[in-house]
Protein backbone atom coordinates (compact mmCIF):
# COMPACT_ATOMS: atom_id res chain seq x y z
CA UNK A 1 10.45 -17.05 21.11
CA UNK A 2 12.38 -15.77 18.12
CA UNK A 3 12.04 -19.05 16.20
CA UNK A 4 8.27 -19.02 16.62
CA UNK A 5 8.09 -15.46 15.28
CA UNK A 6 10.34 -16.30 12.33
CA UNK A 7 8.22 -19.34 11.51
CA UNK A 8 5.00 -17.35 11.71
CA UNK A 9 6.44 -14.61 9.49
CA UNK A 10 7.60 -17.21 6.95
CA UNK A 11 4.12 -18.79 6.95
CA UNK A 12 2.46 -15.40 6.42
CA UNK A 13 4.84 -14.55 3.59
CA UNK A 14 4.13 -17.87 1.88
CA UNK A 15 0.40 -17.40 2.36
CA UNK A 16 0.56 -13.88 0.89
CA UNK A 17 2.59 -15.12 -2.07
CA UNK A 18 0.10 -17.92 -2.72
CA UNK A 19 -2.79 -15.42 -2.64
CA UNK A 20 -0.97 -13.12 -5.05
CA UNK A 21 -0.27 -15.95 -7.49
CA UNK A 22 -3.93 -16.94 -7.70
CA UNK A 23 -5.60 -13.52 -7.46
CA UNK A 24 -7.36 -11.66 -10.25
CA UNK A 25 -6.12 -8.10 -11.03
CA UNK A 26 -8.74 -6.47 -8.79
CA UNK A 27 -7.81 -8.71 -5.87
CA UNK A 28 -4.10 -8.01 -6.39
CA UNK A 29 -4.74 -4.30 -5.94
CA UNK A 30 -6.79 -5.06 -2.83
CA UNK A 31 -3.87 -7.07 -1.43
CA UNK A 32 -1.49 -4.20 -2.16
CA UNK A 33 -3.75 -1.73 -0.36
CA UNK A 34 -4.17 -4.06 2.62
CA UNK A 35 -0.40 -4.51 2.82
CA UNK A 36 0.10 -0.74 2.49
CA UNK A 37 -2.28 0.00 5.35
CA UNK A 38 -0.61 -2.59 7.58
CA UNK A 39 2.85 -1.25 6.69
CA UNK A 40 1.86 2.35 7.46
CA UNK A 41 0.44 1.27 10.81
CA UNK A 42 3.70 -0.52 11.62
CA UNK A 43 5.71 2.57 10.65
CA UNK A 44 3.62 4.66 13.05
CA UNK A 45 4.20 2.15 15.84
CA UNK A 46 7.93 2.09 15.20
CA UNK A 47 8.02 5.89 15.21
CA UNK A 48 6.12 6.02 18.52
CA UNK A 49 8.58 3.56 20.04
CA UNK A 50 11.53 5.44 18.51
CA UNK A 51 12.65 2.34 16.60
CA UNK A 52 14.09 4.39 13.78
CA UNK A 53 15.66 1.61 11.73
CA UNK A 54 12.40 -0.35 11.64
CA UNK A 55 10.43 2.84 10.93
CA UNK A 56 12.68 3.51 7.95
CA UNK A 57 12.27 -0.04 6.64
CA UNK A 58 8.49 0.18 6.95
CA UNK A 59 8.34 3.52 5.18
CA UNK A 60 10.58 2.17 2.41
CA UNK A 61 8.25 -0.81 2.04
CA UNK A 62 5.22 1.52 1.90
CA UNK A 63 6.95 3.51 -0.87
CA UNK A 64 7.61 0.28 -2.78
CA UNK A 65 3.91 -0.62 -2.53
CA UNK A 66 2.91 2.84 -3.78
CA UNK A 67 5.30 2.42 -6.70
CA UNK A 68 3.69 -0.94 -7.50
CA UNK A 69 0.23 0.66 -7.37
CA UNK A 70 1.47 3.45 -9.63
CA UNK A 71 2.91 0.93 -12.07
CA UNK A 72 -0.47 -0.86 -12.22
CA UNK A 73 -2.23 2.25 -13.51
CA UNK A 74 -3.46 1.97 -17.08
CA UNK A 75 -3.59 5.60 -18.19
CA UNK A 76 -5.05 4.67 -21.58
CA UNK A 77 -8.12 3.03 -20.04
CA UNK A 78 -8.23 5.08 -16.84
CA UNK A 79 -8.21 8.53 -18.39
CA UNK A 80 -8.35 11.47 -16.00
CA UNK A 81 -8.86 9.22 -12.98
CA UNK A 82 -5.61 7.42 -13.77
CA UNK A 83 -3.75 10.71 -13.91
CA UNK A 84 -5.27 11.80 -10.60
CA UNK A 85 -4.28 8.51 -8.95
CA UNK A 86 -0.74 8.82 -10.28
CA UNK A 87 -0.47 12.35 -8.86
CA UNK A 88 -1.86 11.19 -5.51
CA UNK A 89 0.55 8.25 -5.28
CA UNK A 90 3.48 10.54 -6.11
CA UNK A 91 2.34 13.04 -3.48
CA UNK A 92 2.11 10.25 -0.90
CA UNK A 93 5.60 9.03 -1.80
CA UNK A 94 6.98 12.54 -1.24
CA UNK A 95 5.12 12.77 2.07
CA UNK A 96 6.55 9.41 3.19
CA UNK A 97 10.08 10.52 2.33
CA UNK A 98 9.52 13.68 4.37
CA UNK A 99 7.91 11.68 7.21
CA UNK A 100 10.97 9.46 7.35
CA UNK A 101 13.42 12.38 7.35
CA UNK A 102 11.43 14.51 9.81
CA UNK A 103 10.06 11.66 11.96
CA UNK A 104 6.63 13.15 11.29
CA UNK A 105 3.64 11.25 12.63
CA UNK A 106 1.37 13.82 10.96
CA UNK A 107 2.69 13.03 7.48
CA UNK A 108 2.37 9.28 8.09
CA UNK A 109 -1.21 9.78 9.25
CA UNK A 110 -2.01 11.96 6.23
CA UNK A 111 -0.79 9.26 3.82
CA UNK A 112 -2.68 6.62 5.80
CA UNK A 113 -5.89 8.67 5.64
CA UNK A 114 -5.56 9.38 1.90
CA UNK A 115 -4.78 5.78 1.03
CA UNK A 116 -7.60 4.48 3.22
CA UNK A 117 -10.05 6.56 1.17
CA UNK A 118 -8.71 5.04 -2.05
CA UNK A 119 -8.72 1.53 -0.52
CA UNK A 120 -12.34 1.85 0.56
CA UNK A 121 -13.34 3.11 -2.89
CA UNK A 122 -11.41 0.27 -4.55
CA UNK A 123 -13.01 -2.33 -2.27
CA UNK A 124 -16.47 -0.94 -3.05
CA UNK A 125 -16.18 -1.59 -6.80
CA UNK A 126 -15.67 -5.33 -6.37
CA UNK A 127 -18.34 -7.18 -8.27
CA UNK A 128 -19.82 -4.00 -9.76
CA UNK A 129 -17.67 -4.11 -12.89
CA UNK A 130 -15.73 -6.71 -14.80
CA UNK A 131 -12.18 -7.38 -13.65
CA UNK A 132 -10.76 -5.76 -16.79
CA UNK A 133 -12.77 -2.58 -16.12
CA UNK A 134 -11.66 -2.48 -12.49
CA UNK A 135 -8.02 -2.99 -13.45
CA UNK A 136 -8.27 -0.22 -16.02
CA UNK A 137 -9.24 2.38 -13.43
CA UNK A 138 -6.33 1.45 -11.20
């Protein structure tokens, strides 16, 4: 039922917003990565089903998330790692633009694989450093 789906989506959006409002900086980045991975998976599904409008919206959303991750980088505290992350995010954005234009599953999968590696690394530092140190490397 369309109303049930709309209600569920509204609930999820409210729940995500509530989590974001109460999260520490490390957790916010985790939420962004989780959302990115889900969005990339949706884009792949839309591409497989040839739902091009939805694929384009998902890819645009993934680019917005990458831009938010890029904006969160503190180059002063992050040093070389920060620069490498910025370059990787920019590369992934270019790949997503190409994936959208070319309807390329391979480019979507490449971005998904690269970002999964970063997500796993980010998740692994939880609790190992202070929140300010973790946020600095992002």
